[in-house]
PDB file of all heavy atoms in Angstrom:
ATOM      1  N   CYS A   1     -12.520 -23.921   2.447  1.00  0.00           N
ATOM      2  CA  CYS A   1     -11.059 -23.967   2.646  1.00  0.00           C
ATOM      3  C   CYS A   1     -10.450 -25.307   2.522  1.00  0.00           C
ATOM      4  O   CYS A   1     -10.743 -26.262   3.353  1.00  0.00           O
ATOM      5  CB  CYS A   1     -10.777 -23.445   4.142  1.00  0.00           C
ATOM      6  SG  CYS A   1      -8.989 -23.277   4.569  1.00  0.00           S
ATOM      7  N   ALA A   2      -9.632 -25.437   1.472  1.00  0.00           N
ATOM      8  CA  ALA A   2      -9.027 -26.829   1.212  1.00  0.00           C
ATOM      9  C   ALA A   2      -7.917 -27.109   2.033  1.00  0.00           C
ATOM     10  O   ALA A   2      -7.317 -28.195   2.018  1.00  0.00           O
ATOM     11  CB  ALA A   2      -8.714 -26.784  -0.340  1.00  0.00           C
ATOM     12  N   ILE A   3      -7.402 -26.258   2.820  1.00  0.00           N
ATOM     13  CA  ILE A   3      -6.146 -26.394   3.555  1.00  0.00           C
ATOM     14  C   ILE A   3      -6.339 -26.410   5.048  1.00  0.00           C
ATOM     15  O   ILE A   3      -5.383 -26.505   5.839  1.00  0.00           O
ATOM     16  CB  ILE A   3      -5.021 -25.412   3.194  1.00  0.00           C
ATOM     17  CG1 ILE A   3      -5.574 -23.942   3.533  1.00  0.00           C
ATOM     18  CG2 ILE A   3      -4.667 -25.492   1.728  1.00  0.00           C
ATOM     19  CD1 ILE A   3      -4.515 -22.892   3.259  1.00  0.00           C
ATOM     20  N   GLY A   4      -7.620 -26.328   5.577  1.00  0.00           N
ATOM     21  CA  GLY A   4      -7.866 -26.354   6.939  1.00  0.00           C
ATOM     22  C   GLY A   4      -9.246 -25.848   7.211  1.00  0.00           C
ATOM     23  O   GLY A   4     -10.171 -25.757   6.413  1.00  0.00           O
ATOM     24  N   GLU A   5      -9.465 -25.470   8.467  1.00  0.00           N
ATOM     25  CA  GLU A   5     -10.810 -25.019   8.894  1.00  0.00           C
ATOM     26  C   GLU A   5     -10.919 -23.503   8.640  1.00  0.00           C
ATOM     27  O   GLU A   5     -10.025 -22.771   8.784  1.00  0.00           O
ATOM     28  CB  GLU A   5     -10.988 -25.242  10.404  1.00  0.00           C
ATOM     29  CG  GLU A   5     -11.034 -26.755  10.787  1.00  0.00           C
ATOM     30  CD  GLU A   5     -12.259 -27.371  10.216  1.00  0.00           C
ATOM     31  OE1 GLU A   5     -13.332 -26.823  10.189  1.00  0.00           O
ATOM     32  OE2 GLU A   5     -12.127 -28.566   9.664  1.00  0.00           O
ATOM     33  N   PRO A   6     -12.113 -23.124   8.185  1.00  0.00           N
ATOM     34  CA  PRO A   6     -12.311 -21.640   8.006  1.00  0.00           C
ATOM     35  C   PRO A   6     -12.122 -20.838   9.300  1.00  0.00           C
ATOM     36  O   PRO A   6     -12.496 -21.304  10.343  1.00  0.00           O
ATOM     37  CB  PRO A   6     -13.798 -21.510   7.499  1.00  0.00           C
ATOM     38  CG  PRO A   6     -14.107 -22.935   6.947  1.00  0.00           C
ATOM     39  CD  PRO A   6     -13.290 -23.808   7.823  1.00  0.00           C
ATOM     40  N   GLY A   7     -11.519 -19.658   9.156  1.00  0.00           N
ATOM     41  CA  GLY A   7     -11.256 -18.818  10.289  1.00  0.00           C
ATOM     42  C   GLY A   7     -12.463 -17.938  10.741  1.00  0.00           C
ATOM     43  O   GLY A   7     -12.417 -17.270  11.810  1.00  0.00           O
ATOM     44  N   ASN A   8     -13.525 -17.720   9.919  1.00  0.00           N
ATOM     45  CA  ASN A   8     -14.714 -17.018  10.149  1.00  0.00           C
ATOM     46  C   ASN A   8     -14.429 -15.538  10.472  1.00  0.00           C
ATOM     47  O   ASN A   8     -15.055 -14.900  11.309  1.00  0.00           O
ATOM     48  CB  ASN A   8     -15.487 -17.751  11.354  1.00  0.00           C
ATOM     49  CG  ASN A   8     -16.006 -19.042  11.034  1.00  0.00           C
ATOM     50  OD1 ASN A   8     -16.603 -19.165   9.905  1.00  0.00           O
ATOM     51  ND2 ASN A   8     -15.757 -20.042  11.804  1.00  0.00           N
ATOM     52  N   MET A   9     -13.373 -15.091   9.814  1.00  0.00           N
ATOM     53  CA  MET A   9     -13.015 -13.573  10.009  1.00  0.00           C
ATOM     54  C   MET A   9     -14.010 -12.825   9.215  1.00  0.00           C
ATOM     55  O   MET A   9     -14.487 -13.244   8.031  1.00  0.00           O
ATOM     56  CB  MET A   9     -11.634 -13.373   9.490  1.00  0.00           C
ATOM     57  CG  MET A   9     -11.170 -11.837   9.688  1.00  0.00           C
ATOM     58  SD  MET A   9      -9.337 -11.686   9.017  1.00  0.00           S
ATOM     59  CE  MET A   9      -8.425 -12.286  10.390  1.00  0.00           C
ATOM     60  N   VAL A  10     -14.375 -11.679   9.581  1.00  0.00           N
ATOM     61  CA  VAL A  10     -15.145 -10.702   8.825  1.00  0.00           C
ATOM     62  C   VAL A  10     -14.265  -9.840   8.068  1.00  0.00           C
ATOM     63  O   VAL A  10     -13.537  -9.084   8.495  1.00  0.00           O
ATOM     64  CB  VAL A  10     -16.038  -9.833   9.819  1.00  0.00           C
ATOM     65  CG1 VAL A  10     -16.866  -8.809   8.911  1.00  0.00           C
ATOM     66  CG2 VAL A  10     -16.944 -10.618  10.716  1.00  0.00           C
ATOM     67  N   LEU A  11     -14.522  -9.908   6.623  1.00  0.00           N
ATOM     68  CA  LEU A  11     -13.515  -9.295   5.751  1.00  0.00           C
ATOM     69  C   LEU A  11     -14.403  -8.118   5.083  1.00  0.00           C
ATOM     70  O   LEU A  11     -15.486  -8.283   4.635  1.00  0.00           O
ATOM     71  CB  LEU A  11     -13.066 -10.209   4.621  1.00  0.00           C
ATOM     72  CG  LEU A  11     -12.311 -11.444   5.066  1.00  0.00           C
ATOM     73  CD1 LEU A  11     -11.825 -12.208   3.853  1.00  0.00           C
ATOM     74  CD2 LEU A  11     -11.078 -10.941   5.983  1.00  0.00           C
ATOM     75  N   THR A  12     -13.767  -6.961   5.024  1.00  0.00           N
ATOM     76  CA  THR A  12     -14.369  -5.769   4.487  1.00  0.00           C
ATOM     77  C   THR A  12     -13.476  -5.353   3.192  1.00  0.00           C
ATOM     78  O   THR A  12     -12.270  -5.232   3.366  1.00  0.00           O
ATOM     79  CB  THR A  12     -14.421  -4.560   5.377  1.00  0.00           C
ATOM     80  OG1 THR A  12     -15.277  -4.964   6.436  1.00  0.00           O
ATOM     81  CG2 THR A  12     -14.998  -3.371   4.590  1.00  0.00           C
ATOM     82  N   GLN A  13     -14.021  -5.194   2.101  1.00  0.00           N
ATOM     83  CA  GLN A  13     -13.333  -4.906   0.920  1.00  0.00           C
ATOM     84  C   GLN A  13     -13.209  -3.319   0.779  1.00  0.00           C
ATOM     85  O   GLN A  13     -14.161  -2.621   1.135  1.00  0.00           O
ATOM     86  CB  GLN A  13     -13.960  -5.371  -0.351  1.00  0.00           C
ATOM     87  CG  GLN A  13     -13.876  -6.932  -0.558  1.00  0.00           C
ATOM     88  CD  GLN A  13     -14.527  -7.322  -1.843  1.00  0.00           C
ATOM     89  OE1 GLN A  13     -15.067  -6.564  -2.568  1.00  0.00           O
ATOM     90  NE2 GLN A  13     -14.396  -8.625  -2.092  1.00  0.00           N
ATOM     91  N   PRO A  14     -12.047  -2.764   0.396  1.00  0.00           N
ATOM     92  CA  PRO A  14     -11.943  -1.221   0.163  1.00  0.00           C
ATOM     93  C   PRO A  14     -12.903  -0.774  -0.933  1.00  0.00           C
ATOM     94  O   PRO A  14     -13.175  -1.496  -1.909  1.00  0.00           O
ATOM     95  CB  PRO A  14     -10.545  -1.063  -0.164  1.00  0.00           C
ATOM     96  CG  PRO A  14     -10.069  -2.323  -0.731  1.00  0.00           C
ATOM     97  CD  PRO A  14     -10.893  -3.431  -0.086  1.00  0.00           C
ATOM     98  N   SER A  15     -13.450   0.435  -0.687  1.00  0.00           N
ATOM     99  CA  SER A  15     -14.270   1.083  -1.689  1.00  0.00           C
ATOM    100  C   SER A  15     -13.406   1.744  -2.760  1.00  0.00           C
ATOM    101  O   SER A  15     -12.114   1.826  -2.543  1.00  0.00           O
ATOM    102  CB  SER A  15     -15.168   2.098  -1.075  1.00  0.00           C
ATOM    103  OG  SER A  15     -14.374   3.207  -0.563  1.00  0.00           O
ATOM    104  N   GLU A  16     -13.946   2.246  -3.736  1.00  0.00           N
ATOM    105  CA  GLU A  16     -13.247   2.947  -4.784  1.00  0.00           C
ATOM    106  C   GLU A  16     -12.532   4.229  -4.217  1.00  0.00           C
ATOM    107  O   GLU A  16     -11.421   4.542  -4.589  1.00  0.00           O
ATOM    108  CB  GLU A  16     -14.190   3.393  -5.954  1.00  0.00           C
ATOM    109  CG  GLU A  16     -14.606   2.234  -6.820  1.00  0.00           C
ATOM    110  CD  GLU A  16     -13.502   1.555  -7.507  1.00  0.00           C
ATOM    111  OE1 GLU A  16     -12.534   2.238  -7.998  1.00  0.00           O
ATOM    112  OE2 GLU A  16     -13.523   0.373  -7.653  1.00  0.00           O
ATOM    113  N   SER A  17     -13.188   4.808  -3.250  1.00  0.00           N
ATOM    114  CA  SER A  17     -12.593   6.043  -2.644  1.00  0.00           C
ATOM    115  C   SER A  17     -11.386   5.590  -1.753  1.00  0.00           C
ATOM    116  O   SER A  17     -10.401   6.379  -1.644  1.00  0.00           O
ATOM    117  CB  SER A  17     -13.476   6.860  -1.802  1.00  0.00           C
ATOM    118  OG  SER A  17     -14.094   6.030  -0.728  1.00  0.00           O
ATOM    119  N   ASP A  18     -11.482   4.459  -1.133  1.00  0.00           N
ATOM    120  CA  ASP A  18     -10.338   3.951  -0.374  1.00  0.00           C
ATOM    121  C   ASP A  18      -9.131   3.637  -1.281  1.00  0.00           C
ATOM    122  O   ASP A  18      -7.995   3.946  -0.908  1.00  0.00           O
ATOM    123  CB  ASP A  18     -10.707   2.586   0.380  1.00  0.00           C
ATOM    124  CG  ASP A  18     -11.762   2.740   1.474  1.00  0.00           C
ATOM    125  OD1 ASP A  18     -11.681   3.837   2.109  1.00  0.00           O
ATOM    126  OD2 ASP A  18     -12.571   1.886   1.668  1.00  0.00           O
ATOM    127  N   LEU A  19      -9.423   3.104  -2.421  1.00  0.00           N
ATOM    128  CA  LEU A  19      -8.313   2.754  -3.338  1.00  0.00           C
ATOM    129  C   LEU A  19      -7.675   4.049  -3.905  1.00  0.00           C
ATOM    130  O   LEU A  19      -6.461   4.165  -4.008  1.00  0.00           O
ATOM    131  CB  LEU A  19      -8.829   1.886  -4.467  1.00  0.00           C
ATOM    132  CG  LEU A  19      -9.445   0.612  -4.126  1.00  0.00           C
ATOM    133  CD1 LEU A  19      -9.905  -0.116  -5.347  1.00  0.00           C
ATOM    134  CD2 LEU A  19      -8.412  -0.263  -3.367  1.00  0.00           C
ATOM    135  N   ARG A  20      -8.521   5.071  -4.075  1.00  0.00           N
ATOM    136  CA  ARG A  20      -7.962   6.377  -4.639  1.00  0.00           C
ATOM    137  C   ARG A  20      -7.170   6.990  -3.562  1.00  0.00           C
ATOM    138  O   ARG A  20      -5.983   7.520  -3.775  1.00  0.00           O
ATOM    139  CB  ARG A  20      -9.008   7.300  -4.999  1.00  0.00           C
ATOM    140  CG  ARG A  20      -9.735   6.949  -6.363  1.00  0.00           C
ATOM    141  CD  ARG A  20     -10.550   8.029  -6.920  1.00  0.00           C
ATOM    142  NE  ARG A  20     -11.660   8.406  -5.943  1.00  0.00           N
ATOM    143  CZ  ARG A  20     -12.916   7.817  -6.050  1.00  0.00           C
ATOM    144  NH1 ARG A  20     -13.129   6.899  -6.950  1.00  0.00           N
ATOM    145  NH2 ARG A  20     -13.874   8.131  -5.171  1.00  0.00           N
ATOM    146  N   MET A  21      -7.515   6.919  -2.227  1.00  0.00           N
ATOM    147  CA  MET A  21      -6.741   7.485  -1.103  1.00  0.00           C
ATOM    148  C   MET A  21      -5.448   6.754  -1.026  1.00  0.00           C
ATOM    149  O   MET A  21      -4.407   7.382  -0.759  1.00  0.00           O
ATOM    150  CB  MET A  21      -7.596   7.462   0.119  1.00  0.00           C
ATOM    151  CG  MET A  21      -6.768   8.046   1.337  1.00  0.00           C
ATOM    152  SD  MET A  21      -7.862   8.173   2.844  1.00  0.00           S
ATOM    153  CE  MET A  21      -9.047   9.419   2.347  1.00  0.00           C
ATOM    154  N   ARG A  22      -5.499   5.451  -1.069  1.00  0.00           N
ATOM    155  CA  ARG A  22      -4.313   4.585  -1.004  1.00  0.00           C
ATOM    156  C   ARG A  22      -3.329   5.078  -2.021  1.00  0.00           C
ATOM    157  O   ARG A  22      -2.066   5.285  -1.765  1.00  0.00           O
ATOM    158  CB  ARG A  22      -4.592   3.149  -1.102  1.00  0.00           C
ATOM    159  CG  ARG A  22      -3.265   2.278  -1.092  1.00  0.00           C
ATOM    160  CD  ARG A  22      -3.581   0.819  -1.640  1.00  0.00           C
ATOM    161  NE  ARG A  22      -4.076   0.860  -2.972  1.00  0.00           N
ATOM    162  CZ  ARG A  22      -4.776  -0.171  -3.490  1.00  0.00           C
ATOM    163  NH1 ARG A  22      -4.913  -1.291  -2.897  1.00  0.00           N
ATOM    164  NH2 ARG A  22      -5.288  -0.027  -4.719  1.00  0.00           N
ATOM    165  N   ASP A  23      -3.716   5.240  -3.382  1.00  0.00           N
ATOM    166  CA  ASP A  23      -2.890   5.683  -4.423  1.00  0.00           C
ATOM    167  C   ASP A  23      -2.294   6.926  -4.169  1.00  0.00           C
ATOM    168  O   ASP A  23      -1.072   7.309  -4.480  1.00  0.00           O
ATOM    169  CB  ASP A  23      -3.693   5.632  -5.724  1.00  0.00           C
ATOM    170  CG  ASP A  23      -3.975   4.225  -6.105  1.00  0.00           C
ATOM    171  OD1 ASP A  23      -3.403   3.241  -5.607  1.00  0.00           O
ATOM    172  OD2 ASP A  23      -4.925   4.007  -6.995  1.00  0.00           O
ATOM    173  N   THR A  24      -3.149   7.941  -3.590  1.00  0.00           N
ATOM    174  CA  THR A  24      -2.564   9.194  -3.259  1.00  0.00           C
ATOM    175  C   THR A  24      -1.570   9.260  -2.207  1.00  0.00           C
ATOM    176  O   THR A  24      -0.463   9.870  -2.404  1.00  0.00           O
ATOM    177  CB  THR A  24      -3.790  10.095  -2.884  1.00  0.00           C
ATOM    178  OG1 THR A  24      -4.737  10.295  -3.930  1.00  0.00           O
ATOM    179  CG2 THR A  24      -3.317  11.452  -2.427  1.00  0.00           C
ATOM    180  N   VAL A  25      -1.735   8.403  -1.180  1.00  0.00           N
ATOM    181  CA  VAL A  25      -0.758   8.362  -0.131  1.00  0.00           C
ATOM    182  C   VAL A  25       0.532   7.644  -0.663  1.00  0.00           C
ATOM    183  O   VAL A  25       1.684   8.181  -0.378  1.00  0.00           O
ATOM    184  CB  VAL A  25      -1.217   7.458   1.047  1.00  0.00           C
ATOM    185  CG1 VAL A  25      -0.145   7.098   2.038  1.00  0.00           C
ATOM    186  CG2 VAL A  25      -2.434   8.197   1.731  1.00  0.00           C
ATOM    187  N   ALA A  26       0.455   6.714  -1.659  1.00  0.00           N
ATOM    188  CA  ALA A  26       1.618   5.980  -2.192  1.00  0.00           C
ATOM    189  C   ALA A  26       2.476   7.144  -2.978  1.00  0.00           C
ATOM    190  O   ALA A  26       3.723   7.179  -2.845  1.00  0.00           O
ATOM    191  CB  ALA A  26       1.119   4.995  -3.176  1.00  0.00           C
ATOM    192  N   LYS A  27       1.819   7.951  -3.716  1.00  0.00           N
ATOM    193  CA  LYS A  27       2.500   8.868  -4.633  1.00  0.00           C
ATOM    194  C   LYS A  27       2.952  10.109  -3.855  1.00  0.00           C
ATOM    195  O   LYS A  27       3.995  10.786  -4.254  1.00  0.00           O
ATOM    196  CB  LYS A  27       1.633   9.245  -5.818  1.00  0.00           C
ATOM    197  CG  LYS A  27       1.406   8.040  -6.763  1.00  0.00           C
ATOM    198  CD  LYS A  27       0.405   8.422  -7.798  1.00  0.00           C
ATOM    199  CE  LYS A  27      -0.010   7.230  -8.669  1.00  0.00           C
ATOM    200  NZ  LYS A  27      -1.066   7.456  -9.626  1.00  0.00           N
ATOM    201  N   GLU A  28       2.165  10.573  -2.868  1.00  0.00           N
ATOM    202  CA  GLU A  28       2.468  11.844  -2.161  1.00  0.00           C
ATOM    203  C   GLU A  28       3.174  11.750  -0.781  1.00  0.00           C
ATOM    204  O   GLU A  28       3.736  12.774  -0.373  1.00  0.00           O
ATOM    205  CB  GLU A  28       1.225  12.657  -2.025  1.00  0.00           C
ATOM    206  CG  GLU A  28       0.465  13.046  -3.305  1.00  0.00           C
ATOM    207  CD  GLU A  28      -0.723  13.929  -3.211  1.00  0.00           C
ATOM    208  OE1 GLU A  28      -1.098  14.198  -1.981  1.00  0.00           O
ATOM    209  OE2 GLU A  28      -1.395  14.285  -4.212  1.00  0.00           O
ATOM    210  N   VAL A  29       3.152  10.464  -0.273  1.00  0.00           N
ATOM    211  CA  VAL A  29       3.777  10.380   1.015  1.00  0.00           C
ATOM    212  C   VAL A  29       4.912   9.260   0.869  1.00  0.00           C
ATOM    213  O   VAL A  29       6.103   9.466   1.231  1.00  0.00           O
ATOM    214  CB  VAL A  29       2.818   9.941   2.073  1.00  0.00           C
ATOM    215  CG1 VAL A  29       3.436   9.638   3.487  1.00  0.00           C
ATOM    216  CG2 VAL A  29       1.721  11.014   2.200  1.00  0.00           C
ATOM    217  N   ILE A  30       4.570   8.050   0.508  1.00  0.00           N
ATOM    218  CA  ILE A  30       5.459   6.928   0.606  1.00  0.00           C
ATOM    219  C   ILE A  30       6.643   7.112  -0.338  1.00  0.00           C
ATOM    220  O   ILE A  30       7.872   6.997   0.092  1.00  0.00           O
ATOM    221  CB  ILE A  30       4.725   5.661   0.221  1.00  0.00           C
ATOM    222  CG1 ILE A  30       3.583   5.261   1.349  1.00  0.00           C
ATOM    223  CG2 ILE A  30       5.666   4.478   0.073  1.00  0.00           C
ATOM    224  CD1 ILE A  30       2.593   4.338   0.892  1.00  0.00           C
ATOM    225  N   LEU A  31       6.442   7.338  -1.643  1.00  0.00           N
ATOM    226  CA  LEU A  31       7.524   7.511  -2.490  1.00  0.00           C
ATOM    227  C   LEU A  31       8.458   8.709  -2.227  1.00  0.00           C
ATOM    228  O   LEU A  31       9.644   8.640  -2.181  1.00  0.00           O
ATOM    229  CB  LEU A  31       7.015   7.629  -3.958  1.00  0.00           C
ATOM    230  CG  LEU A  31       7.949   7.548  -5.143  1.00  0.00           C
ATOM    231  CD1 LEU A  31       8.899   6.350  -4.989  1.00  0.00           C
ATOM    232  CD2 LEU A  31       7.217   7.593  -6.508  1.00  0.00           C
ATOM    233  N   PRO A  32       7.858   9.912  -1.942  1.00  0.00           N
ATOM    234  CA  PRO A  32       8.752  11.066  -1.599  1.00  0.00           C
ATOM    235  C   PRO A  32       9.629  10.810  -0.421  1.00  0.00           C
ATOM    236  O   PRO A  32      10.759  11.278  -0.393  1.00  0.00           O
ATOM    237  CB  PRO A  32       7.774  12.233  -1.434  1.00  0.00           C
ATOM    238  CG  PRO A  32       6.603  11.839  -2.264  1.00  0.00           C
ATOM    239  CD  PRO A  32       6.454  10.330  -2.120  1.00  0.00           C
ATOM    240  N   ARG A  33       9.012  10.176   0.612  1.00  0.00           N
ATOM    241  CA  ARG A  33       9.803   9.930   1.907  1.00  0.00           C
ATOM    242  C   ARG A  33      10.939   8.952   1.624  1.00  0.00           C
ATOM    243  O   ARG A  33      12.089   9.252   2.191  1.00  0.00           O
ATOM    244  CB  ARG A  33       8.863   9.390   3.018  1.00  0.00           C
ATOM    245  CG  ARG A  33       7.938  10.380   3.553  1.00  0.00           C
ATOM    246  CD  ARG A  33       7.237   9.868   4.734  1.00  0.00           C
ATOM    247  NE  ARG A  33       6.267  10.715   5.371  1.00  0.00           N
ATOM    248  CZ  ARG A  33       5.587  10.521   6.452  1.00  0.00           C
ATOM    249  NH1 ARG A  33       5.639   9.420   7.001  1.00  0.00           N
ATOM    250  NH2 ARG A  33       4.794  11.443   6.964  1.00  0.00           N
ATOM    251  N   TRP A  34      10.720   7.948   0.868  1.00  0.00           N
ATOM    252  CA  TRP A  34      11.705   6.974   0.508  1.00  0.00           C
ATOM    253  C   TRP A  34      12.811   7.710  -0.290  1.00  0.00           C
ATOM    254  O   TRP A  34      14.075   7.433  -0.123  1.00  0.00           O
ATOM    255  CB  TRP A  34      11.225   5.814  -0.260  1.00  0.00           C
ATOM    256  CG  TRP A  34      12.396   4.858  -0.676  1.00  0.00           C
ATOM    257  CD1 TRP A  34      12.995   4.015   0.184  1.00  0.00           C
ATOM    258  CD2 TRP A  34      12.883   4.780  -1.931  1.00  0.00           C
ATOM    259  NE1 TRP A  34      14.029   3.338  -0.539  1.00  0.00           N
ATOM    260  CE2 TRP A  34      13.949   3.762  -1.887  1.00  0.00           C
ATOM    261  CE3 TRP A  34      12.645   5.338  -3.102  1.00  0.00           C
ATOM    262  CZ2 TRP A  34      14.716   3.340  -2.970  1.00  0.00           C
ATOM    263  CZ3 TRP A  34      13.406   5.074  -4.243  1.00  0.00           C
ATOM    264  CH2 TRP A  34      14.497   3.996  -4.173  1.00  0.00           C
ATOM    265  N   THR A  35      12.484   8.559  -1.213  1.00  0.00           N
ATOM    266  CA  THR A  35      13.345   9.352  -2.028  1.00  0.00           C
ATOM    267  C   THR A  35      14.298  10.151  -1.189  1.00  0.00           C
ATOM    268  O   THR A  35      15.496  10.192  -1.349  1.00  0.00           O
ATOM    269  CB  THR A  35      12.577  10.291  -3.019  1.00  0.00           C
ATOM    270  OG1 THR A  35      11.821   9.470  -3.878  1.00  0.00           O
ATOM    271  CG2 THR A  35      13.527  11.072  -3.836  1.00  0.00           C
ATOM    272  N   GLU A  36      13.803  10.728  -0.155  1.00  0.00           N
ATOM    273  CA  GLU A  36      14.577  11.581   0.858  1.00  0.00           C
ATOM    274  C   GLU A  36      15.513  10.715   1.548  1.00  0.00           C
ATOM    275  O   GLU A  36      16.774  11.089   1.769  1.00  0.00           O
ATOM    276  CB  GLU A  36      13.644  12.333   1.739  1.00  0.00           C
ATOM    277  CG  GLU A  36      12.934  13.454   1.052  1.00  0.00           C
ATOM    278  CD  GLU A  36      11.916  14.123   2.008  1.00  0.00           C
ATOM    279  OE1 GLU A  36      11.843  13.745   3.186  1.00  0.00           O
ATOM    280  OE2 GLU A  36      11.261  15.111   1.552  1.00  0.00           O
ATOM    281  N   ARG A  37      15.154   9.538   1.928  1.00  0.00           N
ATOM    282  CA  ARG A  37      16.009   8.636   2.693  1.00  0.00           C
ATOM    283  C   ARG A  37      17.086   8.115   1.881  1.00  0.00           C
ATOM    284  O   ARG A  37      18.211   7.863   2.248  1.00  0.00           O
ATOM    285  CB  ARG A  37      15.195   7.367   3.321  1.00  0.00           C
ATOM    286  CG  ARG A  37      14.163   7.736   4.423  1.00  0.00           C
ATOM    287  CD  ARG A  37      13.744   6.570   5.112  1.00  0.00           C
ATOM    288  NE  ARG A  37      13.067   5.527   4.348  1.00  0.00           N
ATOM    289  CZ  ARG A  37      11.733   5.493   4.120  1.00  0.00           C
ATOM    290  NH1 ARG A  37      11.074   6.472   4.635  1.00  0.00           N
ATOM    291  NH2 ARG A  37      11.217   4.546   3.374  1.00  0.00           N
ATOM    292  N   CYS A  38      16.755   7.793   0.637  1.00  0.00           N
ATOM    293  CA  CYS A  38      17.668   7.002  -0.263  1.00  0.00           C
ATOM    294  C   CYS A  38      18.715   7.991  -0.944  1.00  0.00           C
ATOM    295  O   CYS A  38      19.816   7.498  -1.238  1.00  0.00           O
ATOM    296  CB  CYS A  38      16.870   6.216  -1.306  1.00  0.00           C
ATOM    297  SG  CYS A  38      17.794   4.685  -1.842  1.00  0.00           S
ATOM    298  N   GLY A  39      18.335   9.181  -1.216  1.00  0.00           N
ATOM    299  CA  GLY A  39      19.229  10.110  -1.787  1.00  0.00           C
ATOM    300  C   GLY A  39      19.147  10.176  -3.319  1.00  0.00           C
ATOM    301  O   GLY A  39      18.537   9.433  -4.058  1.00  0.00           O
ATOM    302  N   PRO A  40      19.832  11.213  -3.934  1.00  0.00           N
ATOM    303  CA  PRO A  40      19.653  11.508  -5.317  1.00  0.00           C
ATOM    304  C   PRO A  40      20.184  10.347  -6.246  1.00  0.00           C
ATOM    305  O   PRO A  40      19.450  10.086  -7.285  1.00  0.00           O
ATOM    306  CB  PRO A  40      20.574  12.694  -5.606  1.00  0.00           C
ATOM    307  CG  PRO A  40      20.712  13.288  -4.189  1.00  0.00           C
ATOM    308  CD  PRO A  40      20.609  12.186  -3.242  1.00  0.00           C
ATOM    309  N   GLU A  41      21.302   9.744  -6.015  1.00  0.00           N
ATOM    310  CA  GLU A  41      21.831   8.664  -6.900  1.00  0.00           C
ATOM    311  C   GLU A  41      20.897   7.438  -6.835  1.00  0.00           C
ATOM    312  O   GLU A  41      20.573   6.890  -7.936  1.00  0.00           O
ATOM    313  CB  GLU A  41      23.205   8.329  -6.459  1.00  0.00           C
ATOM    314  CG  GLU A  41      23.882   7.263  -7.359  1.00  0.00           C
ATOM    315  CD  GLU A  41      25.267   6.986  -6.932  1.00  0.00           C
ATOM    316  OE1 GLU A  41      25.901   7.719  -6.134  1.00  0.00           O
ATOM    317  OE2 GLU A  41      25.818   5.926  -7.447  1.00  0.00           O
ATOM    318  N   CYS A  42      20.541   7.064  -5.678  1.00  0.00           N
ATOM    319  CA  CYS A  42      19.592   5.955  -5.508  1.00  0.00           C
ATOM    320  C   CYS A  42      18.230   6.253  -6.193  1.00  0.00           C
ATOM    321  O   CYS A  42      17.719   5.385  -6.894  1.00  0.00           O
ATOM    322  CB  CYS A  42      19.282   5.732  -3.939  1.00  0.00           C
ATOM    323  SG  CYS A  42      18.088   4.589  -3.523  1.00  0.00           S
ATOM    324  N   THR A  43      17.768   7.496  -6.094  1.00  0.00           N
ATOM    325  CA  THR A  43      16.484   7.821  -6.661  1.00  0.00           C
ATOM    326  C   THR A  43      16.637   7.844  -8.278  1.00  0.00           C
ATOM    327  O   THR A  43      15.700   7.408  -8.868  1.00  0.00           O
ATOM    328  CB  THR A  43      16.050   9.315  -6.194  1.00  0.00           C
ATOM    329  OG1 THR A  43      15.877   9.240  -4.830  1.00  0.00           O
ATOM    330  CG2 THR A  43      14.796   9.704  -6.873  1.00  0.00           C
ATOM    331  N   ALA A  44      17.729   8.348  -8.717  1.00  0.00           N
ATOM    332  CA  ALA A  44      17.933   8.330 -10.144  1.00  0.00           C
ATOM    333  C   ALA A  44      17.862   6.937 -10.738  1.00  0.00           C
ATOM    334  O   ALA A  44      17.264   6.602 -11.816  1.00  0.00           O
ATOM    335  CB  ALA A  44      19.223   9.011 -10.586  1.00  0.00           C
ATOM    336  N   ASN A  45      18.510   5.971  -9.985  1.00  0.00           N
ATOM    337  CA  ASN A  45      18.573   4.601 -10.362  1.00  0.00           C
ATOM    338  C   ASN A  45      17.165   4.008 -10.368  1.00  0.00           C
ATOM    339  O   ASN A  45      16.760   3.252 -11.241  1.00  0.00           O
ATOM    340  CB  ASN A  45      19.478   3.773  -9.423  1.00  0.00           C
ATOM    341  CG  ASN A  45      19.467   2.328  -9.795  1.00  0.00           C
ATOM    342  OD1 ASN A  45      20.040   1.874 -10.825  1.00  0.00           O
ATOM    343  ND2 ASN A  45      18.804   1.532  -8.916  1.00  0.00           N
TER     344      ASN A  45
END
């Protein structure tokens, strides 16, 4: 760490299945919910 002391946090990288699940949630949950909040004109834009 060039900017300070290391934090010694334990980091876990997502697996391929984690990444696929995230992408599924993005397309099937996050985007449709925002579409409903924002409305047709906003969505078309």
